[in-house]
Protein backbone atom coordinates (compact mmCIF):
# COMPACT_ATOMS: atom_id res chain seq x y z
CA MET A 1 -13.00 175.36 -99.28
CA LYS A 2 -11.60 175.27 -95.79
CA LEU A 3 -13.38 175.20 -92.44
CA TYR A 4 -12.05 174.81 -88.92
CA ARG A 5 -13.13 171.78 -86.91
CA THR A 6 -13.16 171.53 -83.12
CA GLY A 7 -13.84 168.51 -80.95
CA TYR A 8 -12.18 165.93 -83.19
CA GLY A 9 -8.71 164.42 -83.27
CA ARG A 10 -5.57 165.39 -81.46
CA GLU A 11 -5.54 169.10 -82.26
CA LEU A 12 -7.89 171.55 -80.56
CA ILE A 13 -8.55 173.21 -83.92
CA GLU A 14 -8.04 171.42 -87.22
CA GLU A 15 -8.23 173.02 -90.65
CA VAL A 16 -10.26 170.74 -92.93
CA GLU A 17 -11.23 170.75 -96.59
CA VAL A 18 -14.96 170.52 -97.30
CA GLU A 19 -16.83 170.15 -100.56
CA LYS A 20 -19.59 172.53 -99.49
CA HIS A 21 -21.48 173.72 -96.43
CA ASN A 22 -24.54 175.65 -95.35
CA GLU A 23 -25.92 176.83 -92.02
CA LYS A 24 -26.51 173.32 -90.63
CA THR A 25 -24.60 170.84 -92.82
CA VAL A 26 -21.08 170.12 -94.05
CA TRP A 27 -20.19 167.81 -96.94
CA MET A 28 -16.73 166.21 -96.68
CA LYS A 29 -14.85 163.64 -98.68
CA ASN A 30 -14.31 160.41 -96.74
CA THR A 31 -10.58 159.72 -96.41
CA TYR A 32 -11.08 155.95 -96.66
CA ASN A 33 -13.17 155.57 -99.79
CA GLY A 34 -13.36 159.05 -101.31
CA GLU A 35 -17.15 159.26 -101.03
CA ILE A 36 -18.68 162.57 -100.03
CA ASN A 37 -20.54 162.34 -96.73
CA ARG A 38 -22.97 164.77 -95.15
CA ARG A 39 -22.42 165.75 -91.51
CA ALA A 40 -24.06 168.09 -89.05
CA LYS A 41 -22.15 171.36 -88.78
CA HIS A 42 -22.61 171.35 -84.99
CA SER A 43 -23.02 168.08 -83.09
CA ASN A 44 -21.98 166.38 -79.87
CA TYR A 45 -19.03 164.92 -81.77
CA ASP A 46 -17.52 167.95 -83.52
CA ASP A 47 -18.21 171.48 -84.74
CA PHE A 48 -17.21 173.29 -87.92
CA TRP A 49 -16.41 177.02 -88.06
CA SER A 50 -15.85 179.41 -90.96
CA THR A 51 -12.86 181.16 -89.35
CA ILE A 52 -10.17 180.20 -86.88
CA GLY A 53 -11.32 183.14 -84.75
CA GLU A 54 -14.81 181.63 -84.40
CA ALA A 55 -13.28 178.27 -83.45
CA LYS A 56 -11.04 179.88 -80.83
CA GLN A 57 -13.92 181.92 -79.40
CA TYR A 58 -16.09 178.80 -79.13
CA LEU A 59 -13.36 176.81 -77.36
CA GLU A 60 -12.52 179.67 -75.01
CA GLY A 61 -16.17 179.87 -73.94
CA LYS A 62 -16.41 176.10 -73.58
CA PHE A 63 -13.26 175.90 -71.45
CA ASN A 64 -14.34 178.85 -69.26
CA ARG A 65 -17.71 177.15 -68.64
CA GLN A 66 -15.91 173.91 -67.67
CA ILE A 67 -13.62 175.82 -65.29
CA SER A 68 -16.60 177.55 -63.65
CA ARG A 69 -18.45 174.27 -63.25
CA LEU A 70 -15.40 172.56 -61.76
CA LYS A 71 -14.80 175.44 -59.32
CA LYS A 72 -18.41 175.16 -58.18
CA ASP A 73 -18.04 171.38 -57.77
CA LEU A 74 -14.83 171.88 -55.80
CA SER A 75 -16.50 174.42 -53.52
CA THR A 76 -19.43 172.06 -52.91
CA THR A 77 -17.10 169.15 -52.16
CA GLU A 78 -15.01 171.25 -49.77
CA GLY A 79 -18.23 172.18 -47.95
CA LEU A 80 -19.20 168.52 -47.66
CA LEU A 81 -15.76 167.70 -46.28
CA LYS A 82 -16.17 170.38 -43.60
CA ASP A 83 -19.63 169.00 -42.76
CA LEU A 84 -18.09 165.55 -42.35
CA LYS A 85 -15.99 166.82 -39.42
CA LYS A 86 -19.22 167.15 -37.38
CA TYR A 87 -19.39 163.36 -37.05
């Protein structure tokens, strides 16, 4: 069966073949030795989604949060630069 992985490799979304999955775990065949390994469905390293739409929605939210955070950081830094002119 196919799932969609984000957060791994060169592509933003990668279609991958899995042996099985449940709410928290994915079982995939290791490309090096053919053994089936268990992985967390959602981790700091990568995430697995049932549809490409879910993967896209997750990444869109993630990127929008990053943009918001960076805009806030930029605003704070610009304020500090203005404060520096007092000296």
